[in-house]
Amino acid sequence: MSFLQALHHVAIICADYERSKRFYTETLGLTVVQETYRAERQSYKLDLAVNGHYQIELFSFPNPPARPSRPEALGLRHLAFAVTDIDAAIADLNSKGVETEPVRTDELTGKRFTFFADPDGLPLELYAA
């Protein structure tokens, strides 16, 4: 039996804090739980909620090193969001200037999904619930 209870949070380091904050709150509609500036680290930490669940931590750091973030790069592959109406979600993103890939169907589940990117190119996915 696993001692793990749930996914607590996902941490994302961004290149431009204000740009990423607008993207995750205004474009994706995540809710700000708490915003903290840590002067000693010259760093912001923004706690975000997805529909009241699964907190995302958005960090800024001075001059963070670049890391490959394409879907097939070593490491975290992508962050997926469940949606009830994938077509409406895609239309909403597109109306806000966010490009999405063509919709594909998961051959194992039969569910539809698509990818898009955050301002730093982090792969994000919409997955039909």
Foldseek 3Di string as FASTA:
>chain_A
DDPDDDQAAAEEEDADVVQLVCCVCVQVNWAWPDWDQDVVQRKIWTWTADVNDHIYIYMYGPPDDDDDADQPDPDDNAAEDEDQDVVVSQVSNVVVVWDKDDWDADPVPRWIKIWTAGPVRHIYMYTYD
